[in-house]
Amino acid sequence: MDTLNELIAVIHEGTKPMVYSDQGWHYQVNYYTDRLSEEGFIQSMSRKENCLDNAPIKSFFHLFKTECLNGFLPCKDIKEFRKLSKKYIDWFNNRRISRKTKGMTPREYREYALAA
């Protein structure tokens, strides 16, 4: 709930975010699903025995681990890890280009795709 509350505090008004998770019990409890519904979130849950459902997020975490962490955790505490993670996510979204996104950053590509 802490993560969800943090997201709600900073999300832009009018945004219809999708929250993706596995089928863990903690993503299915009423107080969590009710809060998602109240805030207008779309809940997407992976289907049982379908590994392709979460391929995009698995790909992101692979990149995070190889590009940012280089196979080890270079942080002394959770505060430092959060700072490192936020910095990487900002870089990933706003400066990292990819052939898959036609040489654009993810943010630029999303805007390009939505305008098409």
PDB file of N, CA and C in Angstrom:
ATOM      1  N   MET A   1       0.821  -1.193   0.000  1.00  0.00           N
ATOM      2  CA  MET A   1       0.000   0.000   0.000  1.00  0.00           C
ATOM      3  C   MET A   1       0.864   1.257   0.000  1.00  0.00           C
ATOM      4  N   ASP A   2       2.037   1.192   0.639  1.00  0.00           N
ATOM      5  CA  ASP A   2       2.909   2.364   0.658  1.00  0.00           C
ATOM      6  C   ASP A   2       3.289   2.786  -0.760  1.00  0.00           C
ATOM      7  N   THR A   3       3.662   1.820  -1.586  1.00  0.00           N
ATOM      8  CA  THR A   3       4.036   2.121  -2.966  1.00  0.00           C
ATOM      9  C   THR A   3       2.866   2.717  -3.731  1.00  0.00           C
ATOM     10  N   LEU A   4       1.693   2.144  -3.551  1.00  0.00           N
ATOM     11  CA  LEU A   4       0.496   2.658  -4.219  1.00  0.00           C
ATOM     12  C   LEU A   4       0.195   4.081  -3.759  1.00  0.00           C
ATOM     13  N   ASN A   5       0.290   4.336  -2.477  1.00  0.00           N
ATOM     14  CA  ASN A   5       0.045   5.691  -1.950  1.00  0.00           C
ATOM     15  C   ASN A   5       1.059   6.697  -2.481  1.00  0.00           C
ATOM     16  N   GLU A   6       2.312   6.283  -2.594  1.00  0.00           N
ATOM     17  CA  GLU A   6       3.339   7.168  -3.156  1.00  0.00           C
ATOM     18  C   GLU A   6       3.018   7.504  -4.602  1.00  0.00           C
ATOM     19  N   LEU A   7       2.573   6.528  -5.364  1.00  0.00           N
ATOM     20  CA  LEU A   7       2.212   6.754  -6.762  1.00  0.00           C
ATOM     21  C   LEU A   7       1.028   7.700  -6.877  1.00  0.00           C
ATOM     22  N   ILE A   8       0.015   7.480  -6.073  1.00  0.00           N
ATOM     23  CA  ILE A   8      -1.185   8.325  -6.098  1.00  0.00           C
ATOM     24  C   ILE A   8      -0.828   9.777  -5.794  1.00  0.00           C
ATOM     25  N   ALA A   9       0.130   9.988  -4.916  1.00  0.00           N
ATOM     26  CA  ALA A   9       0.523  11.345  -4.522  1.00  0.00           C
ATOM     27  C   ALA A   9       1.183  12.131  -5.652  1.00  0.00           C
ATOM     28  N   VAL A  10       1.787  11.451  -6.617  1.00  0.00           N
ATOM     29  CA  VAL A  10       2.540  12.165  -7.659  1.00  0.00           C
ATOM     30  C   VAL A  10       1.977  12.007  -9.067  1.00  0.00           C
ATOM     31  N   ILE A  11       0.989  11.179  -9.232  1.00  0.00           N
ATOM     32  CA  ILE A  11       0.472  10.914 -10.582  1.00  0.00           C
ATOM     33  C   ILE A  11      -0.318  12.104 -11.110  1.00  0.00           C
ATOM     34  N   HIS A  12      -0.202  12.344 -12.384  1.00  0.00           N
ATOM     35  CA  HIS A  12      -0.907  13.465 -13.004  1.00  0.00           C
ATOM     36  C   HIS A  12      -2.407  13.217 -13.053  1.00  0.00           C
ATOM     37  N   GLU A  13      -3.172  14.262 -12.784  1.00  0.00           N
ATOM     38  CA  GLU A  13      -4.627  14.169 -12.815  1.00  0.00           C
ATOM     39  C   GLU A  13      -5.079  13.782 -14.218  1.00  0.00           C
ATOM     40  N   GLY A  14      -6.071  12.909 -14.286  1.00  0.00           N
ATOM     41  CA  GLY A  14      -6.596  12.465 -15.571  1.00  0.00           C
ATOM     42  C   GLY A  14      -5.878  11.263 -16.145  1.00  0.00           C
ATOM     43  N   THR A  15      -4.789  10.852 -15.506  1.00  0.00           N
ATOM     44  CA  THR A  15      -4.041   9.684 -15.967  1.00  0.00           C
ATOM     45  C   THR A  15      -4.806   8.426 -15.581  1.00  0.00           C
ATOM     46  N   LYS A  16      -4.824   7.456 -16.448  1.00  0.00           N
ATOM     47  CA  LYS A  16      -5.462   6.164 -16.172  1.00  0.00           C
ATOM     48  C   LYS A  16      -4.369   5.097 -16.142  1.00  0.00           C
ATOM     49  N   PRO A  17      -3.646   5.007 -15.043  1.00  0.00           N
ATOM     50  CA  PRO A  17      -2.515   4.074 -14.998  1.00  0.00           C
ATOM     51  C   PRO A  17      -2.943   2.620 -14.918  1.00  0.00           C
ATOM     52  N   MET A  18      -2.075   1.762 -15.433  1.00  0.00           N
ATOM     53  CA  MET A  18      -2.274   0.325 -15.333  1.00  0.00           C
ATOM     54  C   MET A  18      -1.248  -0.206 -14.342  1.00  0.00           C
ATOM     55  N   VAL A  19      -1.709  -0.977 -13.384  1.00  0.00           N
ATOM     56  CA  VAL A  19      -0.835  -1.588 -12.394  1.00  0.00           C
ATOM     57  C   VAL A  19      -0.738  -3.061 -12.731  1.00  0.00           C
ATOM     58  N   TYR A  20       0.460  -3.506 -13.012  1.00  0.00           N
ATOM     59  CA  TYR A  20       0.684  -4.892 -13.396  1.00  0.00           C
ATOM     60  C   TYR A  20       1.259  -5.669 -12.225  1.00  0.00           C
ATOM     61  N   SER A  21       0.774  -6.875 -12.017  1.00  0.00           N
ATOM     62  CA  SER A  21       1.315  -7.720 -10.956  1.00  0.00           C
ATOM     63  C   SER A  21       1.119  -9.185 -11.307  1.00  0.00           C
ATOM     64  N   ASP A  22       1.729 -10.022 -10.493  1.00  0.00           N
ATOM     65  CA  ASP A  22       1.455 -11.445 -10.623  1.00  0.00           C
ATOM     66  C   ASP A  22       0.196 -11.756  -9.823  1.00  0.00           C
ATOM     67  N   GLN A  23      -0.101 -13.029  -9.623  1.00  0.00           N
ATOM     68  CA  GLN A  23      -1.324 -13.401  -8.919  1.00  0.00           C
ATOM     69  C   GLN A  23      -1.116 -13.588  -7.418  1.00  0.00           C
ATOM     70  N   GLY A  24      -0.111 -12.957  -6.867  1.00  0.00           N
ATOM     71  CA  GLY A  24       0.145 -13.057  -5.431  1.00  0.00           C
ATOM     72  C   GLY A  24      -1.056 -12.604  -4.613  1.00  0.00           C
ATOM     73  N   TRP A  25      -1.277 -13.240  -3.481  1.00  0.00           N
ATOM     74  CA  TRP A  25      -2.458 -12.946  -2.652  1.00  0.00           C
ATOM     75  C   TRP A  25      -2.526 -11.484  -2.265  1.00  0.00           C
ATOM     76  N   HIS A  26      -1.342 -10.855  -2.049  1.00  0.00           N
ATOM     77  CA  HIS A  26      -1.305  -9.462  -1.601  1.00  0.00           C
ATOM     78  C   HIS A  26      -1.801  -8.499  -2.681  1.00  0.00           C
ATOM     79  N   TYR A  27      -1.891  -8.949  -3.931  1.00  0.00           N
ATOM     80  CA  TYR A  27      -2.454  -8.103  -4.996  1.00  0.00           C
ATOM     81  C   TYR A  27      -3.937  -8.377  -5.214  1.00  0.00           C
ATOM     82  N   GLN A  28      -4.480  -9.320  -4.461  1.00  0.00           N
ATOM     83  CA  GLN A  28      -5.878  -9.693  -4.633  1.00  0.00           C
ATOM     84  C   GLN A  28      -6.759  -9.352  -3.430  1.00  0.00           C
ATOM     85  N   VAL A  29      -6.178  -8.876  -2.345  1.00  0.00           N
ATOM     86  CA  VAL A  29      -6.965  -8.561  -1.161  1.00  0.00           C
ATOM     87  C   VAL A  29      -7.882  -7.371  -1.443  1.00  0.00           C
ATOM     88  N   ASN A  30      -9.032  -7.363  -0.808  1.00  0.00           N
ATOM     89  CA  ASN A  30     -10.060  -6.362  -1.096  1.00  0.00           C
ATOM     90  C   ASN A  30      -9.598  -4.929  -0.891  1.00  0.00           C
ATOM     91  N   TYR A  31      -8.883  -4.650   0.204  1.00  0.00           N
ATOM     92  CA  TYR A  31      -8.490  -3.256   0.448  1.00  0.00           C
ATOM     93  C   TYR A  31      -7.565  -2.728  -0.648  1.00  0.00           C
ATOM     94  N   TYR A  32      -6.772  -3.597  -1.251  1.00  0.00           N
ATOM     95  CA  TYR A  32      -5.875  -3.178  -2.334  1.00  0.00           C
ATOM     96  C   TYR A  32      -6.648  -2.986  -3.640  1.00  0.00           C
ATOM     97  N   THR A  33      -7.444  -3.982  -4.012  1.00  0.00           N
ATOM     98  CA  THR A  33      -8.199  -3.875  -5.268  1.00  0.00           C
ATOM     99  C   THR A  33      -9.241  -2.762  -5.195  1.00  0.00           C
ATOM    100  N   ASP A  34      -9.838  -2.559  -4.018  1.00  0.00           N
ATOM    101  CA  ASP A  34     -10.802  -1.457  -3.850  1.00  0.00           C
ATOM    102  C   ASP A  34     -10.114  -0.101  -4.043  1.00  0.00           C
ATOM    103  N   ARG A  35      -8.911   0.036  -3.498  1.00  0.00           N
ATOM    104  CA  ARG A  35      -8.184   1.309  -3.627  1.00  0.00           C
ATOM    105  C   ARG A  35      -7.823   1.578  -5.078  1.00  0.00           C
ATOM    106  N   LEU A  36      -7.392   0.541  -5.796  1.00  0.00           N
ATOM    107  CA  LEU A  36      -7.096   0.698  -7.217  1.00  0.00           C
ATOM    108  C   LEU A  36      -8.333   1.184  -7.961  1.00  0.00           C
ATOM    109  N   SER A  37      -9.446   0.569  -7.676  1.00  0.00           N
ATOM    110  CA  SER A  37     -10.698   0.936  -8.330  1.00  0.00           C
ATOM    111  C   SER A  37     -11.112   2.368  -8.000  1.00  0.00           C
ATOM    112  N   GLU A  38     -11.014   2.736  -6.736  1.00  0.00           N
ATOM    113  CA  GLU A  38     -11.367   4.095  -6.305  1.00  0.00           C
ATOM    114  C   GLU A  38     -10.547   5.156  -7.022  1.00  0.00           C
ATOM    115  N   GLU A  39      -9.287   4.849  -7.290  1.00  0.00           N
ATOM    116  CA  GLU A  39      -8.381   5.809  -7.928  1.00  0.00           C
ATOM    117  C   GLU A  39      -8.422   5.741  -9.452  1.00  0.00           C
ATOM    118  N   GLY A  40      -9.246   4.831 -10.003  1.00  0.00           N
ATOM    119  CA  GLY A  40      -9.372   4.717 -11.455  1.00  0.00           C
ATOM    120  C   GLY A  40      -8.240   3.951 -12.118  1.00  0.00           C
ATOM    121  N   PHE A  41      -7.516   3.151 -11.345  1.00  0.00           N
ATOM    122  CA  PHE A  41      -6.428   2.356 -11.894  1.00  0.00           C
ATOM    123  C   PHE A  41      -6.989   1.121 -12.588  1.00  0.00           C
ATOM    124  N   ILE A  42      -6.296   0.676 -13.597  1.00  0.00           N
ATOM    125  CA  ILE A  42      -6.621  -0.580 -14.256  1.00  0.00           C
ATOM    126  C   ILE A  42      -5.665  -1.616 -13.696  1.00  0.00           C
ATOM    127  N   GLN A  43      -6.205  -2.708 -13.188  1.00  0.00           N
ATOM    128  CA  GLN A  43      -5.344  -3.756 -12.638  1.00  0.00           C
ATOM    129  C   GLN A  43      -5.166  -4.841 -13.687  1.00  0.00           C
ATOM    130  N   SER A  44      -3.922  -5.153 -13.978  1.00  0.00           N
ATOM    131  CA  SER A  44      -3.594  -6.206 -14.927  1.00  0.00           C
ATOM    132  C   SER A  44      -2.798  -7.257 -14.176  1.00  0.00           C
ATOM    133  N   MET A  45      -3.269  -8.469 -14.248  1.00  0.00           N
ATOM    134  CA  MET A  45      -2.620  -9.545 -13.517  1.00  0.00           C
ATOM    135  C   MET A  45      -2.218 -10.637 -14.497  1.00  0.00           C
ATOM    136  N   SER A  46      -1.027 -11.149 -14.343  1.00  0.00           N
ATOM    137  CA  SER A  46      -0.574 -12.200 -15.240  1.00  0.00           C
ATOM    138  C   SER A  46      -1.478 -13.420 -15.120  1.00  0.00           C
ATOM    139  N   ARG A  47      -1.627 -14.082 -16.229  1.00  0.00           N
ATOM    140  CA  ARG A  47      -2.443 -15.303 -16.235  1.00  0.00           C
ATOM    141  C   ARG A  47      -1.593 -16.470 -15.747  1.00  0.00           C
ATOM    142  N   LYS A  48      -2.232 -17.415 -15.150  1.00  0.00           N
ATOM    143  CA  LYS A  48      -1.548 -18.587 -14.630  1.00  0.00           C
ATOM    144  C   LYS A  48      -0.842 -19.318 -15.773  1.00  0.00           C
ATOM    145  N   GLU A  49       0.400 -19.662 -15.549  1.00  0.00           N
ATOM    146  CA  GLU A  49       1.231 -20.427 -16.472  1.00  0.00           C
ATOM    147  C   GLU A  49       1.431 -19.731 -17.813  1.00  0.00           C
ATOM    148  N   ASN A  50       1.442 -18.398 -17.829  1.00  0.00           N
ATOM    149  CA  ASN A  50       1.699 -17.674 -19.060  1.00  0.00           C
ATOM    150  C   ASN A  50       2.850 -16.702 -18.817  1.00  0.00           C
ATOM    151  N   CYS A  51       4.062 -17.141 -19.121  1.00  0.00           N
ATOM    152  CA  CYS A  51       5.243 -16.347 -18.822  1.00  0.00           C
ATOM    153  C   CYS A  51       5.365 -15.101 -19.689  1.00  0.00           C
ATOM    154  N   LEU A  52       4.665 -15.050 -20.829  1.00  0.00           N
ATOM    155  CA  LEU A  52       4.794 -13.882 -21.700  1.00  0.00           C
ATOM    156  C   LEU A  52       4.051 -12.670 -21.172  1.00  0.00           C
ATOM    157  N   ASP A  53       3.147 -12.862 -20.218  1.00  0.00           N
ATOM    158  CA  ASP A  53       2.410 -11.739 -19.653  1.00  0.00           C
ATOM    159  C   ASP A  53       3.322 -10.685 -19.064  1.00  0.00           C
ATOM    160  N   ASN A  54       4.374 -11.117 -18.422  1.00  0.00           N
ATOM    161  CA  ASN A  54       5.230 -10.144 -17.743  1.00  0.00           C
ATOM    162  C   ASN A  54       6.579  -9.966 -18.428  1.00  0.00           C
ATOM    163  N   ALA A  55       6.675 -10.305 -19.703  1.00  0.00           N
ATOM    164  CA  ALA A  55       7.932 -10.172 -20.435  1.00  0.00           C
ATOM    165  C   ALA A  55       8.466  -8.743 -20.448  1.00  0.00           C
ATOM    166  N   PRO A  56       7.634  -7.703 -20.673  1.00  0.00           N
ATOM    167  CA  PRO A  56       8.199  -6.348 -20.700  1.00  0.00           C
ATOM    168  C   PRO A  56       8.856  -5.934 -19.378  1.00  0.00           C
ATOM    169  N   ILE A  57       8.235  -6.256 -18.259  1.00  0.00           N
ATOM    170  CA  ILE A  57       8.826  -5.850 -16.985  1.00  0.00           C
ATOM    171  C   ILE A  57      10.056  -6.700 -16.662  1.00  0.00           C
ATOM    172  N   LYS A  58      10.034  -7.962 -17.050  1.00  0.00           N
ATOM    173  CA  LYS A  58      11.219  -8.797 -16.847  1.00  0.00           C
ATOM    174  C   LYS A  58      12.385  -8.254 -17.678  1.00  0.00           C
ATOM    175  N   SER A  59      12.092  -7.802 -18.888  1.00  0.00           N
ATOM    176  CA  SER A  59      13.120  -7.212 -19.736  1.00  0.00           C
ATOM    177  C   SER A  59      13.692  -5.963 -19.085  1.00  0.00           C
ATOM    178  N   PHE A  60      12.808  -5.102 -18.548  1.00  0.00           N
ATOM    179  CA  PHE A  60      13.289  -3.889 -17.881  1.00  0.00           C
ATOM    180  C   PHE A  60      14.207  -4.235 -16.705  1.00  0.00           C
ATOM    181  N   PHE A  61      13.794  -5.181 -15.858  1.00  0.00           N
ATOM    182  CA  PHE A  61      14.615  -5.510 -14.695  1.00  0.00           C
ATOM    183  C   PHE A  61      15.935  -6.159 -15.096  1.00  0.00           C
ATOM    184  N   HIS A  62      15.936  -6.882 -16.215  1.00  0.00           N
ATOM    185  CA  HIS A  62      17.206  -7.416 -16.713  1.00  0.00           C
ATOM    186  C   HIS A  62      18.139  -6.256 -17.073  1.00  0.00           C
ATOM    187  N   LEU A  63      17.611  -5.270 -17.797  1.00  0.00           N
ATOM    188  CA  LEU A  63      18.418  -4.107 -18.155  1.00  0.00           C
ATOM    189  C   LEU A  63      18.874  -3.343 -16.912  1.00  0.00           C
ATOM    190  N   PHE A  64      17.974  -3.176 -15.958  1.00  0.00           N
ATOM    191  CA  PHE A  64      18.308  -2.493 -14.707  1.00  0.00           C
ATOM    192  C   PHE A  64      19.485  -3.183 -14.014  1.00  0.00           C
ATOM    193  N   LYS A  65      19.407  -4.507 -13.935  1.00  0.00           N
ATOM    194  CA  LYS A  65      20.466  -5.250 -13.255  1.00  0.00           C
ATOM    195  C   LYS A  65      21.786  -5.204 -14.011  1.00  0.00           C
ATOM    196  N   THR A  66      21.733  -5.277 -15.352  1.00  0.00           N
ATOM    197  CA  THR A  66      22.983  -5.301 -16.106  1.00  0.00           C
ATOM    198  C   THR A  66      23.554  -3.909 -16.348  1.00  0.00           C
ATOM    199  N   GLU A  67      22.706  -2.912 -16.615  1.00  0.00           N
ATOM    200  CA  GLU A  67      23.197  -1.566 -16.911  1.00  0.00           C
ATOM    201  C   GLU A  67      23.469  -0.732 -15.667  1.00  0.00           C
ATOM    202  N   CYS A  68      22.725  -0.972 -14.629  1.00  0.00           N
ATOM    203  CA  CYS A  68      22.852  -0.126 -13.440  1.00  0.00           C
ATOM    204  C   CYS A  68      23.613  -0.822 -12.313  1.00  0.00           C
ATOM    205  N   LEU A  69      23.277  -2.050 -12.067  1.00  0.00           N
ATOM    206  CA  LEU A  69      23.874  -2.747 -10.929  1.00  0.00           C
ATOM    207  C   LEU A  69      25.093  -3.564 -11.302  1.00  0.00           C
ATOM    208  N   ASN A  70      25.265  -3.853 -12.589  1.00  0.00           N
ATOM    209  CA  ASN A  70      26.421  -4.619 -13.075  1.00  0.00           C
ATOM    210  C   ASN A  70      26.639  -5.927 -12.311  1.00  0.00           C
ATOM    211  N   GLY A  71      25.546  -6.589 -11.967  1.00  0.00           N
ATOM    212  CA  GLY A  71      25.653  -7.882 -11.307  1.00  0.00           C
ATOM    213  C   GLY A  71      25.867  -7.831  -9.806  1.00  0.00           C
ATOM    214  N   PHE A  72      25.973  -6.652  -9.213  1.00  0.00           N
ATOM    215  CA  PHE A  72      26.114  -6.553  -7.762  1.00  0.00           C
ATOM    216  C   PHE A  72      25.385  -5.312  -7.280  1.00  0.00           C
ATOM    217  N   LEU A  73      25.109  -5.260  -6.012  1.00  0.00           N
ATOM    218  CA  LEU A  73      24.374  -4.137  -5.440  1.00  0.00           C
ATOM    219  C   LEU A  73      25.372  -3.146  -4.830  1.00  0.00           C
ATOM    220  N   PRO A  74      25.614  -2.021  -5.526  1.00  0.00           N
ATOM    221  CA  PRO A  74      26.620  -1.070  -5.049  1.00  0.00           C
ATOM    222  C   PRO A  74      26.082  -0.067  -4.024  1.00  0.00           C
ATOM    223  N   CYS A  75      25.162  -0.498  -3.184  1.00  0.00           N
ATOM    224  CA  CYS A  75      24.531   0.415  -2.228  1.00  0.00           C
ATOM    225  C   CYS A  75      24.762  -0.074  -0.808  1.00  0.00           C
ATOM    226  N   LYS A  76      24.874   0.883   0.100  1.00  0.00           N
ATOM    227  CA  LYS A  76      25.085   0.506   1.499  1.00  0.00           C
ATOM    228  C   LYS A  76      23.782   0.375   2.274  1.00  0.00           C
ATOM    229  N   ASP A  77      22.687   0.993   1.751  1.00  0.00           N
ATOM    230  CA  ASP A  77      21.403   0.909   2.451  1.00  0.00           C
ATOM    231  C   ASP A  77      20.256   1.165   1.466  1.00  0.00           C
ATOM    232  N   ILE A  78      19.036   1.018   1.930  1.00  0.00           N
ATOM    233  CA  ILE A  78      17.856   1.150   1.078  1.00  0.00           C
ATOM    234  C   ILE A  78      17.705   2.577   0.561  1.00  0.00           C
ATOM    235  N   LYS A  79      18.088   3.559   1.341  1.00  0.00           N
ATOM    236  CA  LYS A  79      17.996   4.955   0.895  1.00  0.00           C
ATOM    237  C   LYS A  79      18.875   5.179  -0.337  1.00  0.00           C
ATOM    238  N   GLU A  80      20.077   4.660  -0.285  1.00  0.00           N
ATOM    239  CA  GLU A  80      20.992   4.792  -1.419  1.00  0.00           C
ATOM    240  C   GLU A  80      20.470   4.009  -2.632  1.00  0.00           C
ATOM    241  N   PHE A  81      19.888   2.835  -2.388  1.00  0.00           N
ATOM    242  CA  PHE A  81      19.322   2.032  -3.478  1.00  0.00           C
ATOM    243  C   PHE A  81      18.157   2.763  -4.147  1.00  0.00           C
ATOM    244  N   ARG A  82      17.299   3.385  -3.354  1.00  0.00           N
ATOM    245  CA  ARG A  82      16.181   4.150  -3.925  1.00  0.00           C
ATOM    246  C   ARG A  82      16.693   5.297  -4.797  1.00  0.00           C
ATOM    247  N   LYS A  83      17.695   5.995  -4.317  1.00  0.00           N
ATOM    248  CA  LYS A  83      18.272   7.115  -5.069  1.00  0.00           C
ATOM    249  C   LYS A  83      18.868   6.611  -6.392  1.00  0.00           C
ATOM    250  N   LEU A  84      19.609   5.528  -6.339  1.00  0.00           N
ATOM    251  CA  LEU A  84      20.199   4.936  -7.533  1.00  0.00           C
ATOM    252  C   LEU A  84      19.112   4.487  -8.506  1.00  0.00           C
ATOM    253  N   SER A  85      18.066   3.859  -7.992  1.00  0.00           N
ATOM    254  CA  SER A  85      16.970   3.374  -8.833  1.00  0.00           C
ATOM    255  C   SER A  85      16.244   4.522  -9.521  1.00  0.00           C
ATOM    256  N   LYS A  86      15.935   5.575  -8.778  1.00  0.00           N
ATOM    257  CA  LYS A  86      15.256   6.739  -9.363  1.00  0.00           C
ATOM    258  C   LYS A  86      16.106   7.379 -10.455  1.00  0.00           C
ATOM    259  N   LYS A  87      17.399   7.476 -10.214  1.00  0.00           N
ATOM    260  CA  LYS A  87      18.311   8.056 -11.189  1.00  0.00           C
ATOM    261  C   LYS A  87      18.331   7.208 -12.469  1.00  0.00           C
ATOM    262  N   TYR A  88      18.393   5.882 -12.307  1.00  0.00           N
ATOM    263  CA  TYR A  88      18.406   4.986 -13.464  1.00  0.00           C
ATOM    264  C   TYR A  88      17.089   5.086 -14.240  1.00  0.00           C
ATOM    265  N   ILE A  89      15.968   5.085 -13.550  1.00  0.00           N
ATOM    266  CA  ILE A  89      14.664   5.146 -14.217  1.00  0.00           C
ATOM    267  C   ILE A  89      14.523   6.447 -14.994  1.00  0.00           C
ATOM    268  N   ASP A  90      14.986   7.548 -14.428  1.00  0.00           N
ATOM    269  CA  ASP A  90      14.960   8.822 -15.149  1.00  0.00           C
ATOM    270  C   ASP A  90      15.826   8.732 -16.403  1.00  0.00           C
ATOM    271  N   TRP A  91      17.019   8.194 -16.286  1.00  0.00           N
ATOM    272  CA  TRP A  91      17.910   8.026 -17.432  1.00  0.00           C
ATOM    273  C   TRP A  91      17.267   7.110 -18.466  1.00  0.00           C
ATOM    274  N   PHE A  92      16.722   5.984 -18.016  1.00  0.00           N
ATOM    275  CA  PHE A  92      16.103   5.012 -18.915  1.00  0.00           C
ATOM    276  C   PHE A  92      14.969   5.651 -19.715  1.00  0.00           C
ATOM    277  N   ASN A  93      14.107   6.410 -19.068  1.00  0.00           N
ATOM    278  CA  ASN A  93      12.940   7.001 -19.732  1.00  0.00           C
ATOM    279  C   ASN A  93      13.270   8.210 -20.599  1.00  0.00           C
ATOM    280  N   ASN A  94      14.264   8.985 -20.205  1.00  0.00           N
ATOM    281  CA  ASN A  94      14.486  10.283 -20.841  1.00  0.00           C
ATOM    282  C   ASN A  94      15.761  10.426 -21.663  1.00  0.00           C
ATOM    283  N   ARG A  95      16.705   9.489 -21.523  1.00  0.00           N
ATOM    284  CA  ARG A  95      17.956   9.640 -22.259  1.00  0.00           C
ATOM    285  C   ARG A  95      18.411   8.372 -22.986  1.00  0.00           C
ATOM    286  N   ARG A  96      17.980   7.223 -22.553  1.00  0.00           N
ATOM    287  CA  ARG A  96      18.434   5.960 -23.144  1.00  0.00           C
ATOM    288  C   ARG A  96      17.690   5.729 -24.464  1.00  0.00           C
ATOM    289  N   ILE A  97      18.446   5.601 -25.549  1.00  0.00           N
ATOM    290  CA  ILE A  97      17.825   5.324 -26.842  1.00  0.00           C
ATOM    291  C   ILE A  97      18.005   3.846 -27.174  1.00  0.00           C
ATOM    292  N   SER A  98      17.177   3.361 -28.097  1.00  0.00           N
ATOM    293  CA  SER A  98      17.202   1.948 -28.438  1.00  0.00           C
ATOM    294  C   SER A  98      16.802   1.771 -29.897  1.00  0.00           C
ATOM    295  N   ARG A  99      17.338   0.750 -30.536  1.00  0.00           N
ATOM    296  CA  ARG A  99      16.923   0.444 -31.908  1.00  0.00           C
ATOM    297  C   ARG A  99      15.445   0.055 -31.945  1.00  0.00           C
ATOM    298  N   LYS A 100      14.998  -0.627 -30.896  1.00  0.00           N
ATOM    299  CA  LYS A 100      13.587  -1.047 -30.853  1.00  0.00           C
ATOM    300  C   LYS A 100      12.635   0.138 -30.851  1.00  0.00           C
ATOM    301  N   THR A 101      13.107   1.275 -30.379  1.00  0.00           N
ATOM    302  CA  THR A 101      12.265   2.476 -30.322  1.00  0.00           C
ATOM    303  C   THR A 101      12.687   3.504 -31.376  1.00  0.00           C
ATOM    304  N   LYS A 102      13.211   3.004 -32.501  1.00  0.00           N
ATOM    305  CA  LYS A 102      13.585   3.854 -33.636  1.00  0.00           C
ATOM    306  C   LYS A 102      14.568   4.962 -33.245  1.00  0.00           C
ATOM    307  N   GLY A 103      15.480   4.662 -32.329  1.00  0.00           N
ATOM    308  CA  GLY A 103      16.483   5.634 -31.909  1.00  0.00           C
ATOM    309  C   GLY A 103      15.950   6.709 -30.976  1.00  0.00           C
ATOM    310  N   MET A 104      14.745   6.491 -30.449  1.00  0.00           N
ATOM    311  CA  MET A 104      14.140   7.453 -29.524  1.00  0.00           C
ATOM    312  C   MET A 104      14.244   6.936 -28.098  1.00  0.00           C
ATOM    313  N   THR A 105      14.074   7.852 -27.154  1.00  0.00           N
ATOM    314  CA  THR A 105      13.966   7.435 -25.758  1.00  0.00           C
ATOM    315  C   THR A 105      12.580   6.812 -25.567  1.00  0.00           C
ATOM    316  N   PRO A 106      12.361   6.040 -24.511  1.00  0.00           N
ATOM    317  CA  PRO A 106      11.023   5.497 -24.273  1.00  0.00           C
ATOM    318  C   PRO A 106       9.941   6.582 -24.206  1.00  0.00           C
ATOM    319  N   ARG A 107      10.254   7.701 -23.593  1.00  0.00           N
ATOM    320  CA  ARG A 107       9.275   8.794 -23.501  1.00  0.00           C
ATOM    321  C   ARG A 107       8.938   9.335 -24.886  1.00  0.00           C
ATOM    322  N   GLU A 108       9.956   9.576 -25.709  1.00  0.00           N
ATOM    323  CA  GLU A 108       9.733  10.079 -27.063  1.00  0.00           C
ATOM    324  C   GLU A 108       8.943   9.064 -27.893  1.00  0.00           C
ATOM    325  N   TYR A 109       9.288   7.785 -27.749  1.00  0.00           N
ATOM    326  CA  TYR A 109       8.619   6.750 -28.521  1.00  0.00           C
ATOM    327  C   TYR A 109       7.144   6.624 -28.114  1.00  0.00           C
ATOM    328  N   ARG A 110       6.868   6.722 -26.830  1.00  0.00           N
ATOM    329  CA  ARG A 110       5.474   6.652 -26.362  1.00  0.00           C
ATOM    330  C   ARG A 110       4.671   7.796 -26.968  1.00  0.00           C
ATOM    331  N   GLU A 111       5.232   9.011 -26.958  1.00  0.00           N
ATOM    332  CA  GLU A 111       4.542  10.155 -27.536  1.00  0.00           C
ATOM    333  C   GLU A 111       4.345   9.982 -29.040  1.00  0.00           C
ATOM    334  N   TYR A 112       5.358   9.438 -29.714  1.00  0.00           N
ATOM    335  CA  TYR A 112       5.286   9.163 -31.148  1.00  0.00           C
ATOM    336  C   TYR A 112       4.180   8.144 -31.423  1.00  0.00           C
ATOM    337  N   ALA A 113       4.154   7.064 -30.660  1.00  0.00           N
ATOM    338  CA  ALA A 113       3.176   5.997 -30.880  1.00  0.00           C
ATOM    339  C   ALA A 113       1.747   6.486 -30.577  1.00  0.00           C
ATOM    340  N   LEU A 114       1.580   7.304 -29.559  1.00  0.00           N
ATOM    341  CA  LEU A 114       0.255   7.792 -29.217  1.00  0.00           C
ATOM    342  C   LEU A 114      -0.275   8.812 -30.241  1.00  0.00           C
ATOM    343  N   ALA A 115       0.642   9.496 -30.916  1.00  0.00           N
ATOM    344  CA  ALA A 115       0.237  10.498 -31.915  1.00  0.00           C
ATOM    345  C   ALA A 115      -0.144   9.834 -33.242  1.00  0.00           C
ATOM    346  N   ALA A 116       0.321   8.609 -33.444  1.00  0.00           N
ATOM    347  CA  ALA A 116       0.058   7.924 -34.727  1.00  0.00           C
ATOM    348  C   ALA A 116      -1.379   7.498 -34.872  1.00  0.00           C
TER     349      ALA A 116
END
